[in-house]
């Protein structure tokens, strides 16, 4: 049996992260990891790592942030 993608699914668009994306990124991370996200190791890395714009991408679907690789 093969699974066909739903015609209602939107394609993702990838774009470099910008400063204007920060509120959407924070909201997405809050939804994904919950209130305990600030005690996770990944948050410690985000706090200390140097921002590398060439490595930071946002995935957008229908104008909504669907994923981020900060």
N, C-alpha and C. Protein backbone atom coordinates (compact mmCIF):
# COMPACT_ATOMS: atom_id res chain seq x y z
N UNK A 1 0.85 -1.17 0.00
CA UNK A 1 0.00 0.00 0.00
C UNK A 1 0.90 1.24 0.00
N UNK A 2 0.65 2.16 -0.90
CA UNK A 2 1.43 3.40 -0.92
C UNK A 2 0.60 4.52 -0.30
N UNK A 3 1.28 5.39 0.37
CA UNK A 3 0.63 6.53 1.02
C UNK A 3 0.81 7.74 0.11
N UNK A 4 -0.27 8.38 -0.21
CA UNK A 4 -0.24 9.57 -1.05
C UNK A 4 -0.31 10.81 -0.17
N UNK A 5 0.47 11.83 -0.50
CA UNK A 5 0.36 13.07 0.30
C UNK A 5 -1.01 13.70 0.15
N UNK A 6 -1.44 14.30 1.21
CA UNK A 6 -2.73 14.98 1.21
C UNK A 6 -2.65 16.21 0.31
N UNK A 7 -3.64 16.43 -0.55
CA UNK A 7 -3.61 17.63 -1.39
C UNK A 7 -3.73 18.92 -0.59
N UNK A 8 -4.16 18.83 0.67
CA UNK A 8 -4.32 20.04 1.47
C UNK A 8 -3.00 20.46 2.14
N UNK A 9 -1.97 19.61 2.07
CA UNK A 9 -0.70 19.98 2.68
C UNK A 9 0.00 21.04 1.84
N UNK A 10 0.55 22.02 2.52
CA UNK A 10 1.27 23.09 1.84
C UNK A 10 2.74 22.72 1.72
N UNK A 11 3.35 23.21 0.68
CA UNK A 11 4.78 23.03 0.52
C UNK A 11 5.50 23.97 1.49
N UNK A 12 6.63 23.54 1.94
CA UNK A 12 7.44 24.38 2.82
C UNK A 12 8.32 25.29 1.97
N UNK A 13 8.51 26.48 2.47
CA UNK A 13 9.44 27.44 1.88
C UNK A 13 10.52 27.71 2.91
N UNK A 14 11.76 27.58 2.49
CA UNK A 14 12.88 27.81 3.40
C UNK A 14 13.49 29.17 3.13
N UNK A 15 13.79 29.89 4.22
CA UNK A 15 14.37 31.23 4.10
C UNK A 15 15.35 31.44 5.24
N UNK A 16 16.37 32.24 5.01
CA UNK A 16 17.30 32.56 6.11
C UNK A 16 16.55 33.25 7.25
N UNK A 17 16.97 32.94 8.47
CA UNK A 17 16.37 33.57 9.64
C UNK A 17 16.74 35.05 9.67
N UNK A 18 15.76 35.88 10.05
CA UNK A 18 16.00 37.31 10.20
C UNK A 18 15.60 37.72 11.62
N UNK A 19 15.99 38.90 12.01
CA UNK A 19 15.62 39.41 13.33
C UNK A 19 14.10 39.49 13.48
N UNK A 20 13.41 39.77 12.40
CA UNK A 20 11.94 39.87 12.45
C UNK A 20 11.27 38.52 12.73
N UNK A 21 12.00 37.43 12.55
CA UNK A 21 11.45 36.09 12.78
C UNK A 21 11.46 35.70 14.26
N UNK A 22 12.18 36.43 15.10
CA UNK A 22 12.37 36.05 16.50
C UNK A 22 11.08 35.79 17.27
N UNK A 23 10.06 36.64 17.18
CA UNK A 23 8.83 36.34 17.93
C UNK A 23 8.19 35.02 17.48
N UNK A 24 8.18 34.75 16.20
CA UNK A 24 7.61 33.50 15.69
C UNK A 24 8.45 32.30 16.14
N UNK A 25 9.77 32.46 16.13
CA UNK A 25 10.65 31.37 16.56
C UNK A 25 10.43 31.06 18.03
N UNK A 26 10.38 32.09 18.86
CA UNK A 26 10.17 31.87 20.30
C UNK A 26 8.83 31.19 20.55
N UNK A 27 7.79 31.61 19.85
CA UNK A 27 6.46 30.99 20.02
C UNK A 27 6.49 29.52 19.59
N UNK A 28 7.17 29.23 18.48
CA UNK A 28 7.26 27.84 18.00
C UNK A 28 8.02 26.98 19.01
N UNK A 29 9.14 27.48 19.51
CA UNK A 29 9.92 26.71 20.49
C UNK A 29 9.14 26.51 21.78
N UNK A 30 8.37 27.51 22.20
CA UNK A 30 7.52 27.36 23.38
C UNK A 30 6.49 26.25 23.17
N UNK A 31 5.85 26.24 22.00
CA UNK A 31 4.85 25.20 21.71
C UNK A 31 5.50 23.82 21.62
N UNK A 32 6.68 23.75 21.02
CA UNK A 32 7.33 22.46 20.80
C UNK A 32 7.90 21.86 22.07
N UNK A 33 8.50 22.68 22.93
CA UNK A 33 9.23 22.15 24.07
C UNK A 33 8.60 22.47 25.42
N UNK A 34 7.60 23.33 25.43
CA UNK A 34 6.90 23.63 26.67
C UNK A 34 7.70 24.49 27.62
N UNK A 35 7.15 24.71 28.81
CA UNK A 35 7.78 25.63 29.75
C UNK A 35 9.14 25.13 30.26
N UNK A 36 9.41 23.85 30.16
CA UNK A 36 10.69 23.32 30.62
C UNK A 36 11.82 23.47 29.63
N UNK A 37 11.55 24.13 28.51
CA UNK A 37 12.57 24.23 27.47
C UNK A 37 13.82 24.96 27.93
N UNK A 38 13.69 25.85 28.88
CA UNK A 38 14.83 26.66 29.31
C UNK A 38 15.83 25.89 30.17
N UNK A 39 15.47 24.69 30.60
CA UNK A 39 16.41 23.87 31.36
C UNK A 39 17.09 22.82 30.48
N UNK A 40 16.74 22.78 29.22
CA UNK A 40 17.32 21.80 28.30
C UNK A 40 18.70 22.25 27.82
N UNK A 41 19.53 21.28 27.51
CA UNK A 41 20.89 21.56 27.03
C UNK A 41 20.85 22.42 25.77
N UNK A 42 19.88 22.19 24.91
CA UNK A 42 19.81 22.96 23.66
C UNK A 42 19.68 24.46 23.93
N UNK A 43 19.01 24.83 25.00
CA UNK A 43 18.90 26.25 25.36
C UNK A 43 20.25 26.80 25.80
N UNK A 44 21.02 26.00 26.52
CA UNK A 44 22.35 26.46 26.93
C UNK A 44 23.21 26.72 25.70
N UNK A 45 23.09 25.87 24.70
CA UNK A 45 23.85 26.06 23.46
C UNK A 45 23.38 27.33 22.77
N UNK A 46 22.07 27.54 22.69
CA UNK A 46 21.55 28.74 22.03
C UNK A 46 22.02 30.01 22.74
N UNK A 47 22.16 29.96 24.05
CA UNK A 47 22.59 31.13 24.82
C UNK A 47 24.05 31.49 24.55
N UNK A 48 24.88 30.49 24.32
CA UNK A 48 26.32 30.73 24.22
C UNK A 48 26.87 30.67 22.80
N UNK A 49 26.16 30.06 21.89
CA UNK A 49 26.67 29.90 20.53
C UNK A 49 26.61 31.22 19.76
N UNK A 50 27.60 31.44 18.94
CA UNK A 50 27.61 32.62 18.08
C UNK A 50 26.60 32.41 16.95
N UNK A 51 25.80 33.42 16.68
CA UNK A 51 24.79 33.33 15.63
C UNK A 51 25.48 33.21 14.27
N UNK A 52 25.08 32.21 13.51
CA UNK A 52 25.63 31.98 12.17
C UNK A 52 24.48 32.05 11.18
N UNK A 53 24.23 33.23 10.61
CA UNK A 53 23.06 33.39 9.74
C UNK A 53 23.04 32.43 8.56
N UNK A 54 24.21 32.04 8.08
CA UNK A 54 24.24 31.12 6.94
C UNK A 54 23.78 29.71 7.32
N UNK A 55 23.67 29.42 8.62
CA UNK A 55 23.22 28.12 9.09
C UNK A 55 21.83 28.15 9.71
N UNK A 56 21.24 29.31 9.83
CA UNK A 56 19.95 29.46 10.50
C UNK A 56 18.83 29.66 9.49
N UNK A 57 17.98 28.64 9.40
CA UNK A 57 16.90 28.67 8.42
C UNK A 57 15.54 28.57 9.11
N UNK A 58 14.55 29.16 8.47
CA UNK A 58 13.16 29.04 8.89
C UNK A 58 12.40 28.32 7.79
N UNK A 59 11.50 27.44 8.19
CA UNK A 59 10.62 26.76 7.25
C UNK A 59 9.22 27.35 7.42
N UNK A 60 8.65 27.83 6.32
CA UNK A 60 7.35 28.50 6.35
C UNK A 60 6.33 27.71 5.53
N UNK A 61 5.10 27.65 6.03
CA UNK A 61 3.99 27.03 5.31
C UNK A 61 2.79 27.95 5.45
N UNK A 62 2.33 28.45 4.36
CA UNK A 62 1.15 29.35 4.35
C UNK A 62 1.34 30.53 5.29
N UNK A 63 2.54 31.10 5.33
CA UNK A 63 2.79 32.28 6.15
C UNK A 63 3.01 31.98 7.63
N UNK A 64 2.98 30.71 8.02
CA UNK A 64 3.18 30.32 9.41
C UNK A 64 4.54 29.63 9.53
N UNK A 65 5.24 29.92 10.61
CA UNK A 65 6.51 29.25 10.86
C UNK A 65 6.24 27.80 11.22
N UNK A 66 6.81 26.88 10.45
CA UNK A 66 6.59 25.45 10.65
C UNK A 66 7.80 24.77 11.26
N UNK A 67 8.97 25.39 11.13
CA UNK A 67 10.18 24.79 11.67
C UNK A 67 11.31 25.80 11.65
N UNK A 68 12.31 25.52 12.46
CA UNK A 68 13.45 26.44 12.54
C UNK A 68 14.69 25.63 12.89
N UNK A 69 15.79 26.08 12.37
CA UNK A 69 17.09 25.47 12.67
C UNK A 69 18.02 26.58 13.13
N UNK A 70 17.76 27.07 14.35
CA UNK A 70 18.57 28.19 14.83
C UNK A 70 19.90 27.73 15.40
